[in-house]
Amino acid sequence: GLAISKKILELHDVPYGVFNTEDGVMFY
């Protein structure tokens, strides 16, 4: 799922990522 999402977002040529927050995880 995340590998497919990565390729889709790369094909859109847009910033994306993931990071830990104080209470959990954020994907953007």
mmCIF file of all heavy atoms, coordinates in Angstrom:
data_MODEL
# 
_entry.id   MODEL 
# 
loop_
_atom_site.group_PDB 
_atom_site.id 
_atom_site.type_symbol 
_atom_site.label_atom_id 
_atom_site.label_alt_id 
_atom_site.label_comp_id 
_atom_site.label_asym_id 
_atom_site.label_entity_id 
_atom_site.label_seq_id 
_atom_site.pdbx_PDB_ins_code 
_atom_site.Cartn_x 
_atom_site.Cartn_y 
_atom_site.Cartn_z 
_atom_site.occupancy 
_atom_site.B_iso_or_equiv 
_atom_site.pdbx_formal_charge 
_atom_site.auth_seq_id 
_atom_site.auth_comp_id 
_atom_site.auth_asym_id 
_atom_site.auth_atom_id 
_atom_site.pdbx_PDB_model_num 
ATOM 1   N N   . GLY A 1 1  ? 0.799  -1.227 0.000   1.00 0.00 ? 1  GLY A N   1 
ATOM 2   C CA  . GLY A 1 1  ? 0.000  0.000  0.000   1.00 0.00 ? 1  GLY A CA  1 
ATOM 3   C C   . GLY A 1 1  ? 0.829  1.274  0.000   1.00 0.00 ? 1  GLY A C   1 
ATOM 4   O O   . GLY A 1 1  ? 0.570  2.188  -0.788  1.00 0.00 ? 1  GLY A O   1 
ATOM 5   N N   . LEU A 1 2  ? 1.829  1.342  0.873   1.00 0.00 ? 2  LEU A N   1 
ATOM 6   C CA  . LEU A 1 2  ? 2.637  2.556  0.936   1.00 0.00 ? 2  LEU A CA  1 
ATOM 7   C C   . LEU A 1 2  ? 3.584  2.662  -0.250  1.00 0.00 ? 2  LEU A C   1 
ATOM 8   O O   . LEU A 1 2  ? 3.883  3.762  -0.708  1.00 0.00 ? 2  LEU A O   1 
ATOM 9   C CB  . LEU A 1 2  ? 3.397  2.633  2.258   1.00 0.00 ? 2  LEU A CB  1 
ATOM 10  C CG  . LEU A 1 2  ? 2.519  2.855  3.486   1.00 0.00 ? 2  LEU A CG  1 
ATOM 11  C CD1 . LEU A 1 2  ? 3.354  2.880  4.756   1.00 0.00 ? 2  LEU A CD1 1 
ATOM 12  C CD2 . LEU A 1 2  ? 1.690  4.131  3.362   1.00 0.00 ? 2  LEU A CD2 1 
ATOM 13  N N   . ALA A 1 3  ? 4.049  1.535  -0.779  1.00 0.00 ? 3  ALA A N   1 
ATOM 14  C CA  . ALA A 1 3  ? 4.898  1.568  -1.982  1.00 0.00 ? 3  ALA A CA  1 
ATOM 15  C C   . ALA A 1 3  ? 4.097  2.099  -3.175  1.00 0.00 ? 3  ALA A C   1 
ATOM 16  O O   . ALA A 1 3  ? 4.598  2.915  -3.957  1.00 0.00 ? 3  ALA A O   1 
ATOM 17  C CB  . ALA A 1 3  ? 5.454  0.176  -2.281  1.00 0.00 ? 3  ALA A CB  1 
ATOM 18  N N   . ILE A 1 4  ? 2.856  1.658  -3.302  1.00 0.00 ? 4  ILE A N   1 
ATOM 19  C CA  . ILE A 1 4  ? 1.980  2.152  -4.371  1.00 0.00 ? 4  ILE A CA  1 
ATOM 20  C C   . ILE A 1 4  ? 1.690  3.635  -4.167  1.00 0.00 ? 4  ILE A C   1 
ATOM 21  O O   . ILE A 1 4  ? 1.761  4.431  -5.105  1.00 0.00 ? 4  ILE A O   1 
ATOM 22  C CB  . ILE A 1 4  ? 0.691  1.316  -4.445  1.00 0.00 ? 4  ILE A CB  1 
ATOM 23  C CG1 . ILE A 1 4  ? 1.014  -0.091 -4.958  1.00 0.00 ? 4  ILE A CG1 1 
ATOM 24  C CG2 . ILE A 1 4  ? -0.362 1.999  -5.316  1.00 0.00 ? 4  ILE A CG2 1 
ATOM 25  C CD1 . ILE A 1 4  ? -0.128 -1.084 -4.839  1.00 0.00 ? 4  ILE A CD1 1 
ATOM 26  N N   . SER A 1 5  ? 1.374  4.016  -2.928  1.00 0.00 ? 5  SER A N   1 
ATOM 27  C CA  . SER A 1 5  ? 1.108  5.428  -2.629  1.00 0.00 ? 5  SER A CA  1 
ATOM 28  C C   . SER A 1 5  ? 2.308  6.299  -2.975  1.00 0.00 ? 5  SER A C   1 
ATOM 29  O O   . SER A 1 5  ? 2.157  7.384  -3.547  1.00 0.00 ? 5  SER A O   1 
ATOM 30  C CB  . SER A 1 5  ? 0.746  5.599  -1.147  1.00 0.00 ? 5  SER A CB  1 
ATOM 31  O OG  . SER A 1 5  ? -0.456 4.922  -0.857  1.00 0.00 ? 5  SER A OG  1 
ATOM 32  N N   . LYS A 1 6  ? 3.507  5.823  -2.637  1.00 0.00 ? 6  LYS A N   1 
ATOM 33  C CA  . LYS A 1 6  ? 4.731  6.560  -2.947  1.00 0.00 ? 6  LYS A CA  1 
ATOM 34  C C   . LYS A 1 6  ? 4.848  6.799  -4.454  1.00 0.00 ? 6  LYS A C   1 
ATOM 35  O O   . LYS A 1 6  ? 5.123  7.925  -4.892  1.00 0.00 ? 6  LYS A O   1 
ATOM 36  C CB  . LYS A 1 6  ? 5.938  5.769  -2.442  1.00 0.00 ? 6  LYS A CB  1 
ATOM 37  C CG  . LYS A 1 6  ? 7.277  6.340  -2.857  1.00 0.00 ? 6  LYS A CG  1 
ATOM 38  C CD  . LYS A 1 6  ? 8.411  5.428  -2.429  1.00 0.00 ? 6  LYS A CD  1 
ATOM 39  C CE  . LYS A 1 6  ? 9.732  5.939  -2.966  1.00 0.00 ? 6  LYS A CE  1 
ATOM 40  N NZ  . LYS A 1 6  ? 10.840 5.047  -2.600  1.00 0.00 ? 6  LYS A NZ  1 
ATOM 41  N N   . LYS A 1 7  ? 4.646  5.764  -5.250  1.00 0.00 ? 7  LYS A N   1 
ATOM 42  C CA  . LYS A 1 7  ? 4.763  5.904  -6.702  1.00 0.00 ? 7  LYS A CA  1 
ATOM 43  C C   . LYS A 1 7  ? 3.705  6.860  -7.249  1.00 0.00 ? 7  LYS A C   1 
ATOM 44  O O   . LYS A 1 7  ? 3.990  7.674  -8.126  1.00 0.00 ? 7  LYS A O   1 
ATOM 45  C CB  . LYS A 1 7  ? 4.668  4.545  -7.399  1.00 0.00 ? 7  LYS A CB  1 
ATOM 46  C CG  . LYS A 1 7  ? 5.838  3.626  -7.171  1.00 0.00 ? 7  LYS A CG  1 
ATOM 47  C CD  . LYS A 1 7  ? 7.198  4.256  -7.408  1.00 0.00 ? 7  LYS A CD  1 
ATOM 48  C CE  . LYS A 1 7  ? 7.480  4.667  -8.827  1.00 0.00 ? 7  LYS A CE  1 
ATOM 49  N NZ  . LYS A 1 7  ? 8.832  5.232  -9.003  1.00 0.00 ? 7  LYS A NZ  1 
ATOM 50  N N   . ILE A 1 8  ? 2.480  6.753  -6.748  1.00 0.00 ? 8  ILE A N   1 
ATOM 51  C CA  . ILE A 1 8  ? 1.414  7.655  -7.199  1.00 0.00 ? 8  ILE A CA  1 
ATOM 52  C C   . ILE A 1 8  ? 1.791  9.105  -6.902  1.00 0.00 ? 8  ILE A C   1 
ATOM 53  O O   . ILE A 1 8  ? 1.669  9.983  -7.763  1.00 0.00 ? 8  ILE A O   1 
ATOM 54  C CB  . ILE A 1 8  ? 0.065  7.289  -6.542  1.00 0.00 ? 8  ILE A CB  1 
ATOM 55  C CG1 . ILE A 1 8  ? -0.455 5.960  -7.109  1.00 0.00 ? 8  ILE A CG1 1 
ATOM 56  C CG2 . ILE A 1 8  ? -0.956 8.414  -6.717  1.00 0.00 ? 8  ILE A CG2 1 
ATOM 57  C CD1 . ILE A 1 8  ? -1.655 5.399  -6.364  1.00 0.00 ? 8  ILE A CD1 1 
ATOM 58  N N   . LEU A 1 9  ? 2.267  9.371  -5.690  1.00 0.00 ? 9  LEU A N   1 
ATOM 59  C CA  . LEU A 1 9  ? 2.624  10.737 -5.319  1.00 0.00 ? 9  LEU A CA  1 
ATOM 60  C C   . LEU A 1 9  ? 3.852  11.216 -6.092  1.00 0.00 ? 9  LEU A C   1 
ATOM 61  O O   . LEU A 1 9  ? 3.934  12.390 -6.464  1.00 0.00 ? 9  LEU A O   1 
ATOM 62  C CB  . LEU A 1 9  ? 2.811  10.837 -3.807  1.00 0.00 ? 9  LEU A CB  1 
ATOM 63  C CG  . LEU A 1 9  ? 1.508  10.608 -3.021  1.00 0.00 ? 9  LEU A CG  1 
ATOM 64  C CD1 . LEU A 1 9  ? 1.790  10.439 -1.536  1.00 0.00 ? 9  LEU A CD1 1 
ATOM 65  C CD2 . LEU A 1 9  ? 0.506  11.728 -3.270  1.00 0.00 ? 9  LEU A CD2 1 
ATOM 66  N N   . GLU A 1 10 ? 4.790  10.314 -6.370  1.00 0.00 ? 10 GLU A N   1 
ATOM 67  C CA  . GLU A 1 10 ? 5.945  10.690 -7.201  1.00 0.00 ? 10 GLU A CA  1 
ATOM 68  C C   . GLU A 1 10 ? 5.500  11.029 -8.621  1.00 0.00 ? 10 GLU A C   1 
ATOM 69  O O   . GLU A 1 10 ? 6.015  11.968 -9.229  1.00 0.00 ? 10 GLU A O   1 
ATOM 70  C CB  . GLU A 1 10 ? 6.985  9.564  -7.220  1.00 0.00 ? 10 GLU A CB  1 
ATOM 71  C CG  . GLU A 1 10 ? 7.760  9.458  -5.920  1.00 0.00 ? 10 GLU A CG  1 
ATOM 72  C CD  . GLU A 1 10 ? 8.705  8.275  -5.878  1.00 0.00 ? 10 GLU A CD  1 
ATOM 73  O OE1 . GLU A 1 10 ? 8.648  7.393  -6.767  1.00 0.00 ? 10 GLU A OE1 1 
ATOM 74  O OE2 . GLU A 1 10 ? 9.518  8.230  -4.934  1.00 0.00 ? 10 GLU A OE2 1 
ATOM 75  N N   . LEU A 1 11 ? 4.541  10.270 -9.161  1.00 0.00 ? 11 LEU A N   1 
ATOM 76  C CA  . LEU A 1 11 ? 4.027  10.568 -10.499 1.00 0.00 ? 11 LEU A CA  1 
ATOM 77  C C   . LEU A 1 11 ? 3.273  11.901 -10.536 1.00 0.00 ? 11 LEU A C   1 
ATOM 78  O O   . LEU A 1 11 ? 3.169  12.526 -11.588 1.00 0.00 ? 11 LEU A O   1 
ATOM 79  C CB  . LEU A 1 11 ? 3.140  9.431  -11.006 1.00 0.00 ? 11 LEU A CB  1 
ATOM 80  C CG  . LEU A 1 11 ? 3.892  8.155  -11.398 1.00 0.00 ? 11 LEU A CG  1 
ATOM 81  C CD1 . LEU A 1 11 ? 2.922  6.996  -11.584 1.00 0.00 ? 11 LEU A CD1 1 
ATOM 82  C CD2 . LEU A 1 11 ? 4.705  8.381  -12.657 1.00 0.00 ? 11 LEU A CD2 1 
ATOM 83  N N   . HIS A 1 12 ? 2.747  12.326 -9.399  1.00 0.00 ? 12 HIS A N   1 
ATOM 84  C CA  . HIS A 1 12 ? 2.119  13.641 -9.297  1.00 0.00 ? 12 HIS A CA  1 
ATOM 85  C C   . HIS A 1 12 ? 3.169  14.741 -9.056  1.00 0.00 ? 12 HIS A C   1 
ATOM 86  O O   . HIS A 1 12 ? 2.845  15.919 -9.112  1.00 0.00 ? 12 HIS A O   1 
ATOM 87  C CB  . HIS A 1 12 ? 1.093  13.657 -8.156  1.00 0.00 ? 12 HIS A CB  1 
ATOM 88  C CG  . HIS A 1 12 ? -0.227 13.070 -8.523  1.00 0.00 ? 12 HIS A CG  1 
ATOM 89  N ND1 . HIS A 1 12 ? -0.472 11.718 -8.512  1.00 0.00 ? 12 HIS A ND1 1 
ATOM 90  C CD2 . HIS A 1 12 ? -1.381 13.659 -8.915  1.00 0.00 ? 12 HIS A CD2 1 
ATOM 91  C CE1 . HIS A 1 12 ? -1.725 11.490 -8.874  1.00 0.00 ? 12 HIS A CE1 1 
ATOM 92  N NE2 . HIS A 1 12 ? -2.296 12.663 -9.132  1.00 0.00 ? 12 HIS A NE2 1 
ATOM 93  N N   . ASP A 1 13 ? 4.409  14.337 -8.747  1.00 0.00 ? 13 ASP A N   1 
ATOM 94  C CA  . ASP A 1 13 ? 5.516  15.258 -8.494  1.00 0.00 ? 13 ASP A CA  1 
ATOM 95  C C   . ASP A 1 13 ? 5.187  16.227 -7.356  1.00 0.00 ? 13 ASP A C   1 
ATOM 96  O O   . ASP A 1 13 ? 5.337  17.445 -7.494  1.00 0.00 ? 13 ASP A O   1 
ATOM 97  C CB  . ASP A 1 13 ? 5.888  16.010 -9.777  1.00 0.00 ? 13 ASP A CB  1 
ATOM 98  C CG  . ASP A 1 13 ? 7.227  16.701 -9.658  1.00 0.00 ? 13 ASP A CG  1 
ATOM 99  O OD1 . ASP A 1 13 ? 8.080  16.209 -8.898  1.00 0.00 ? 13 ASP A OD1 1 
ATOM 100 O OD2 . ASP A 1 13 ? 7.419  17.752 -10.321 1.00 0.00 ? 13 ASP A OD2 1 
ATOM 101 N N   . VAL A 1 14 ? 4.718  15.662 -6.235  1.00 0.00 ? 14 VAL A N   1 
ATOM 102 C CA  . VAL A 1 14 ? 4.336  16.476 -5.078  1.00 0.00 ? 14 VAL A CA  1 
ATOM 103 C C   . VAL A 1 14 ? 5.093  15.995 -3.833  1.00 0.00 ? 14 VAL A C   1 
ATOM 104 O O   . VAL A 1 14 ? 5.474  14.831 -3.740  1.00 0.00 ? 14 VAL A O   1 
ATOM 105 C CB  . VAL A 1 14 ? 2.812  16.423 -4.808  1.00 0.00 ? 14 VAL A CB  1 
ATOM 106 C CG1 . VAL A 1 14 ? 2.045  17.058 -5.952  1.00 0.00 ? 14 VAL A CG1 1 
ATOM 107 C CG2 . VAL A 1 14 ? 2.334  15.002 -4.543  1.00 0.00 ? 14 VAL A CG2 1 
ATOM 108 N N   . PRO A 1 15 ? 5.290  16.905 -2.875  1.00 0.00 ? 15 PRO A N   1 
ATOM 109 C CA  . PRO A 1 15 ? 5.903  16.501 -1.610  1.00 0.00 ? 15 PRO A CA  1 
ATOM 110 C C   . PRO A 1 15 ? 4.969  15.554 -0.843  1.00 0.00 ? 15 PRO A C   1 
ATOM 111 O O   . PRO A 1 15 ? 3.744  15.694 -0.881  1.00 0.00 ? 15 PRO A O   1 
ATOM 112 C CB  . PRO A 1 15 ? 6.061  17.812 -0.843  1.00 0.00 ? 15 PRO A CB  1 
ATOM 113 C CG  . PRO A 1 15 ? 5.949  18.895 -1.858  1.00 0.00 ? 15 PRO A CG  1 
ATOM 114 C CD  . PRO A 1 15 ? 5.067  18.357 -2.937  1.00 0.00 ? 15 PRO A CD  1 
ATOM 115 N N   . TYR A 1 16 ? 5.570  14.610 -0.127  1.00 0.00 ? 16 TYR A N   1 
ATOM 116 C CA  . TYR A 1 16 ? 4.823  13.681 0.729   1.00 0.00 ? 16 TYR A CA  1 
ATOM 117 C C   . TYR A 1 16 ? 5.783  13.170 1.798   1.00 0.00 ? 16 TYR A C   1 
ATOM 118 O O   . TYR A 1 16 ? 7.005  13.323 1.679   1.00 0.00 ? 16 TYR A O   1 
ATOM 119 C CB  . TYR A 1 16 ? 4.261  12.509 -0.083  1.00 0.00 ? 16 TYR A CB  1 
ATOM 120 C CG  . TYR A 1 16 ? 5.328  11.587 -0.613  1.00 0.00 ? 16 TYR A CG  1 
ATOM 121 C CD1 . TYR A 1 16 ? 5.713  10.464 0.102   1.00 0.00 ? 16 TYR A CD1 1 
ATOM 122 C CD2 . TYR A 1 16 ? 5.983  11.864 -1.816  1.00 0.00 ? 16 TYR A CD2 1 
ATOM 123 C CE1 . TYR A 1 16 ? 6.727  9.635  -0.371  1.00 0.00 ? 16 TYR A CE1 1 
ATOM 124 C CE2 . TYR A 1 16 ? 6.983  11.049 -2.294  1.00 0.00 ? 16 TYR A CE2 1 
ATOM 125 C CZ  . TYR A 1 16 ? 7.357  9.935  -1.566  1.00 0.00 ? 16 TYR A CZ  1 
ATOM 126 O OH  . TYR A 1 16 ? 8.354  9.127  -2.025  1.00 0.00 ? 16 TYR A OH  1 
ATOM 127 N N   . GLY A 1 17 ? 5.231  12.549 2.823   1.00 0.00 ? 17 GLY A N   1 
ATOM 128 C CA  . GLY A 1 17 ? 6.113  11.983 3.833   1.00 0.00 ? 17 GLY A CA  1 
ATOM 129 C C   . GLY A 1 17 ? 5.367  11.497 5.052   1.00 0.00 ? 17 GLY A C   1 
ATOM 130 O O   . GLY A 1 17 ? 4.129  11.459 5.091   1.00 0.00 ? 17 GLY A O   1 
ATOM 131 N N   . VAL A 1 18 ? 6.156  11.151 6.051   1.00 0.00 ? 18 VAL A N   1 
ATOM 132 C CA  . VAL A 1 18 ? 5.636  10.654 7.322   1.00 0.00 ? 18 VAL A CA  1 
ATOM 133 C C   . VAL A 1 18 ? 6.600  11.095 8.415   1.00 0.00 ? 18 VAL A C   1 
ATOM 134 O O   . VAL A 1 18 ? 7.810  11.196 8.181   1.00 0.00 ? 18 VAL A O   1 
ATOM 135 C CB  . VAL A 1 18 ? 5.488  9.114  7.313   1.00 0.00 ? 18 VAL A CB  1 
ATOM 136 C CG1 . VAL A 1 18 ? 6.821  8.427  7.047   1.00 0.00 ? 18 VAL A CG1 1 
ATOM 137 C CG2 . VAL A 1 18 ? 4.862  8.602  8.593   1.00 0.00 ? 18 VAL A CG2 1 
ATOM 138 N N   . PHE A 1 19 ? 6.053  11.400 9.575   1.00 0.00 ? 19 PHE A N   1 
ATOM 139 C CA  . PHE A 1 19 ? 6.908  11.697 10.723  1.00 0.00 ? 19 PHE A CA  1 
ATOM 140 C C   . PHE A 1 19 ? 6.136  11.383 12.002  1.00 0.00 ? 19 PHE A C   1 
ATOM 141 O O   . PHE A 1 19 ? 4.897  11.324 12.008  1.00 0.00 ? 19 PHE A O   1 
ATOM 142 C CB  . PHE A 1 19 ? 7.402  13.154 10.709  1.00 0.00 ? 19 PHE A CB  1 
ATOM 143 C CG  . PHE A 1 19 ? 6.314  14.186 10.721  1.00 0.00 ? 19 PHE A CG  1 
ATOM 144 C CD1 . PHE A 1 19 ? 5.809  14.693 11.912  1.00 0.00 ? 19 PHE A CD1 1 
ATOM 145 C CD2 . PHE A 1 19 ? 5.802  14.673 9.524   1.00 0.00 ? 19 PHE A CD2 1 
ATOM 146 C CE1 . PHE A 1 19 ? 4.808  15.659 11.904  1.00 0.00 ? 19 PHE A CE1 1 
ATOM 147 C CE2 . PHE A 1 19 ? 4.806  15.643 9.506   1.00 0.00 ? 19 PHE A CE2 1 
ATOM 148 C CZ  . PHE A 1 19 ? 4.306  16.129 10.711  1.00 0.00 ? 19 PHE A CZ  1 
ATOM 149 N N   . ASN A 1 20 ? 6.901  11.156 13.050  1.00 0.00 ? 20 ASN A N   1 
ATOM 150 C CA  . ASN A 1 20 ? 6.299  10.931 14.353  1.00 0.00 ? 20 ASN A CA  1 
ATOM 151 C C   . ASN A 1 20 ? 5.905  12.270 14.955  1.00 0.00 ? 20 ASN A C   1 
ATOM 152 O O   . ASN A 1 20 ? 6.651  13.244 14.859  1.00 0.00 ? 20 ASN A O   1 
ATOM 153 C CB  . ASN A 1 20 ? 7.273  10.210 15.292  1.00 0.00 ? 20 ASN A CB  1 
ATOM 154 C CG  . ASN A 1 20 ? 7.480  8.762  14.902  1.00 0.00 ? 20 ASN A CG  1 
ATOM 155 O OD1 . ASN A 1 20 ? 6.526  8.060  14.598  1.00 0.00 ? 20 ASN A OD1 1 
ATOM 156 N ND2 . ASN A 1 20 ? 8.721  8.310  14.937  1.00 0.00 ? 20 ASN A ND2 1 
ATOM 157 N N   . THR A 1 21 ? 4.717  12.302 15.550  1.00 0.00 ? 21 THR A N   1 
ATOM 158 C CA  . THR A 1 21 ? 4.255  13.479 16.277  1.00 0.00 ? 21 THR A CA  1 
ATOM 159 C C   . THR A 1 21 ? 4.414  13.189 17.766  1.00 0.00 ? 21 THR A C   1 
ATOM 160 O O   . THR A 1 21 ? 4.865  12.105 18.150  1.00 0.00 ? 21 THR A O   1 
ATOM 161 C CB  . THR A 1 21 ? 2.781  13.783 15.950  1.00 0.00 ? 21 THR A CB  1 
ATOM 162 O OG1 . THR A 1 21 ? 1.976  12.681 16.388  1.00 0.00 ? 21 THR A OG1 1 
ATOM 163 C CG2 . THR A 1 21 ? 2.577  14.014 14.453  1.00 0.00 ? 21 THR A CG2 1 
ATOM 164 N N   . GLU A 1 22 ? 4.016  14.126 18.581  1.00 0.00 ? 22 GLU A N   1 
ATOM 165 C CA  . GLU A 1 22 ? 4.114  13.913 20.021  1.00 0.00 ? 22 GLU A CA  1 
ATOM 166 C C   . GLU A 1 22 ? 3.303  12.687 20.455  1.00 0.00 ? 22 GLU A C   1 
ATOM 167 O O   . GLU A 1 22 ? 3.750  11.904 21.287  1.00 0.00 ? 22 GLU A O   1 
ATOM 168 C CB  . GLU A 1 22 ? 3.606  15.158 20.757  1.00 0.00 ? 22 GLU A CB  1 
ATOM 169 C CG  . GLU A 1 22 ? 3.783  15.090 22.248  1.00 0.00 ? 22 GLU A CG  1 
ATOM 170 C CD  . GLU A 1 22 ? 3.358  16.378 22.938  1.00 0.00 ? 22 GLU A CD  1 
ATOM 171 O OE1 . GLU A 1 22 ? 3.538  17.458 22.352  1.00 0.00 ? 22 GLU A OE1 1 
ATOM 172 O OE2 . GLU A 1 22 ? 2.852  16.279 24.069  1.00 0.00 ? 22 GLU A OE2 1 
ATOM 173 N N   . ASP A 1 23 ? 2.111  12.503 19.837  1.00 0.00 ? 23 ASP A N   1 
ATOM 174 C CA  . ASP A 1 23 ? 1.208  11.438 20.276  1.00 0.00 ? 23 ASP A CA  1 
ATOM 175 C C   . ASP A 1 23 ? 1.040  10.291 19.293  1.00 0.00 ? 23 ASP A C   1 
ATOM 176 O O   . ASP A 1 23 ? 0.278  9.372  19.554  1.00 0.00 ? 23 ASP A O   1 
ATOM 177 C CB  . ASP A 1 23 ? -0.186 12.027 20.540  1.00 0.00 ? 23 ASP A CB  1 
ATOM 178 C CG  . ASP A 1 23 ? -0.171 13.059 21.651  1.00 0.00 ? 23 ASP A CG  1 
ATOM 179 O OD1 . ASP A 1 23 ? 0.586  12.889 22.617  1.00 0.00 ? 23 ASP A OD1 1 
ATOM 180 O OD2 . ASP A 1 23 ? -0.916 14.048 21.533  1.00 0.00 ? 23 ASP A OD2 1 
ATOM 181 N N   . GLY A 1 24 ? 1.694  10.345 18.136  1.00 0.00 ? 24 GLY A N   1 
ATOM 182 C CA  . GLY A 1 24 ? 1.450  9.293  17.158  1.00 0.00 ? 24 GLY A CA  1 
ATOM 183 C C   . GLY A 1 24 ? 2.272  9.482  15.896  1.00 0.00 ? 24 GLY A C   1 
ATOM 184 O O   . GLY A 1 24 ? 3.447  9.816  15.949  1.00 0.00 ? 24 GLY A O   1 
ATOM 185 N N   . VAL A 1 25 ? 1.603  9.290  14.739  1.00 0.00 ? 25 VAL A N   1 
ATOM 186 C CA  . VAL A 1 25 ? 2.266  9.329  13.441  1.00 0.00 ? 25 VAL A CA  1 
ATOM 187 C C   . VAL A 1 25 ? 1.433  10.157 12.476  1.00 0.00 ? 25 VAL A C   1 
ATOM 188 O O   . VAL A 1 25 ? 0.201  10.052 12.469  1.00 0.00 ? 25 VAL A O   1 
ATOM 189 C CB  . VAL A 1 25 ? 2.429  7.892  12.882  1.00 0.00 ? 25 VAL A CB  1 
ATOM 190 C CG1 . VAL A 1 25 ? 3.043  7.914  11.491  1.00 0.00 ? 25 VAL A CG1 1 
ATOM 191 C CG2 . VAL A 1 25 ? 3.264  7.039  13.826  1.00 0.00 ? 25 VAL A CG2 1 
ATOM 192 N N   . MET A 1 26 ? 2.096  10.976 11.653  1.00 0.00 ? 26 MET A N   1 
ATOM 193 C CA  . MET A 1 26 ? 1.389  11.767 10.655  1.00 0.00 ? 26 MET A CA  1 
ATOM 194 C C   . MET A 1 26 ? 1.937  11.489 9.263   1.00 0.00 ? 26 MET A C   1 
ATOM 195 O O   . MET A 1 26 ? 3.132  11.582 9.021   1.00 0.00 ? 26 MET A O   1 
ATOM 196 C CB  . MET A 1 26 ? 1.491  13.264 10.930  1.00 0.00 ? 26 MET A CB  1 
ATOM 197 C CG  . MET A 1 26 ? 0.717  14.078 9.883   1.00 0.00 ? 26 MET A CG  1 
ATOM 198 S SD  . MET A 1 26 ? 0.711  15.850 10.184  1.00 0.00 ? 26 MET A SD  1 
ATOM 199 C CE  . MET A 1 26 ? -0.186 15.939 11.713  1.00 0.00 ? 26 MET A CE  1 
ATOM 200 N N   . PHE A 1 27 ? 1.019  11.132 8.352   1.00 0.00 ? 27 PHE A N   1 
ATOM 201 C CA  . PHE A 1 27 ? 1.325  11.022 6.939   1.00 0.00 ? 27 PHE A CA  1 
ATOM 202 C C   . PHE A 1 27 ? 0.769  12.283 6.276   1.00 0.00 ? 27 PHE A C   1 
ATOM 203 O O   . PHE A 1 27 ? -0.294 12.770 6.668   1.00 0.00 ? 27 PHE A O   1 
ATOM 204 C CB  . PHE A 1 27 ? 0.645  9.791  6.323   1.00 0.00 ? 27 PHE A CB  1 
ATOM 205 C CG  . PHE A 1 27 ? 1.318  8.498  6.650   1.00 0.00 ? 27 PHE A CG  1 
ATOM 206 C CD1 . PHE A 1 27 ? 1.093  7.854  7.849   1.00 0.00 ? 27 PHE A CD1 1 
ATOM 207 C CD2 . PHE A 1 27 ? 2.220  7.951  5.759   1.00 0.00 ? 27 PHE A CD2 1 
ATOM 208 C CE1 . PHE A 1 27 ? 1.728  6.666  8.159   1.00 0.00 ? 27 PHE A CE1 1 
ATOM 209 C CE2 . PHE A 1 27 ? 2.868  6.753  6.052   1.00 0.00 ? 27 PHE A CE2 1 
ATOM 210 C CZ  . PHE A 1 27 ? 2.612  6.111  7.253   1.00 0.00 ? 27 PHE A CZ  1 
ATOM 211 N N   . TYR A 1 28 ? 1.463  12.780 5.252   1.00 0.00 ? 28 TYR A N   1 
ATOM 212 C CA  . TYR A 1 28 ? 0.993  13.984 4.577   1.00 0.00 ? 28 TYR A CA  1 
ATOM 213 C C   . TYR A 1 28 ? 1.367  13.938 3.104   1.00 0.00 ? 28 TYR A C   1 
ATOM 214 O O   . TYR A 1 28 ? 2.268  13.199 2.695   1.00 0.00 ? 28 TYR A O   1 
ATOM 215 C CB  . TYR A 1 28 ? 1.601  15.237 5.226   1.00 0.00 ? 28 TYR A CB  1 
ATOM 216 C CG  . TYR A 1 28 ? 3.086  15.352 4.987   1.00 0.00 ? 28 TYR A CG  1 
ATOM 217 C CD1 . TYR A 1 28 ? 3.581  16.035 3.870   1.00 0.00 ? 28 TYR A CD1 1 
ATOM 218 C CD2 . TYR A 1 28 ? 3.996  14.772 5.870   1.00 0.00 ? 28 TYR A CD2 1 
ATOM 219 C CE1 . TYR A 1 28 ? 4.938  16.127 3.634   1.00 0.00 ? 28 TYR A CE1 1 
ATOM 220 C CE2 . TYR A 1 28 ? 5.352  14.856 5.629   1.00 0.00 ? 28 TYR A CE2 1 
ATOM 221 C CZ  . TYR A 1 28 ? 5.818  15.526 4.512   1.00 0.00 ? 28 TYR A CZ  1 
ATOM 222 O OH  . TYR A 1 28 ? 7.160  15.612 4.276   1.00 0.00 ? 28 TYR A OH  1 
# 
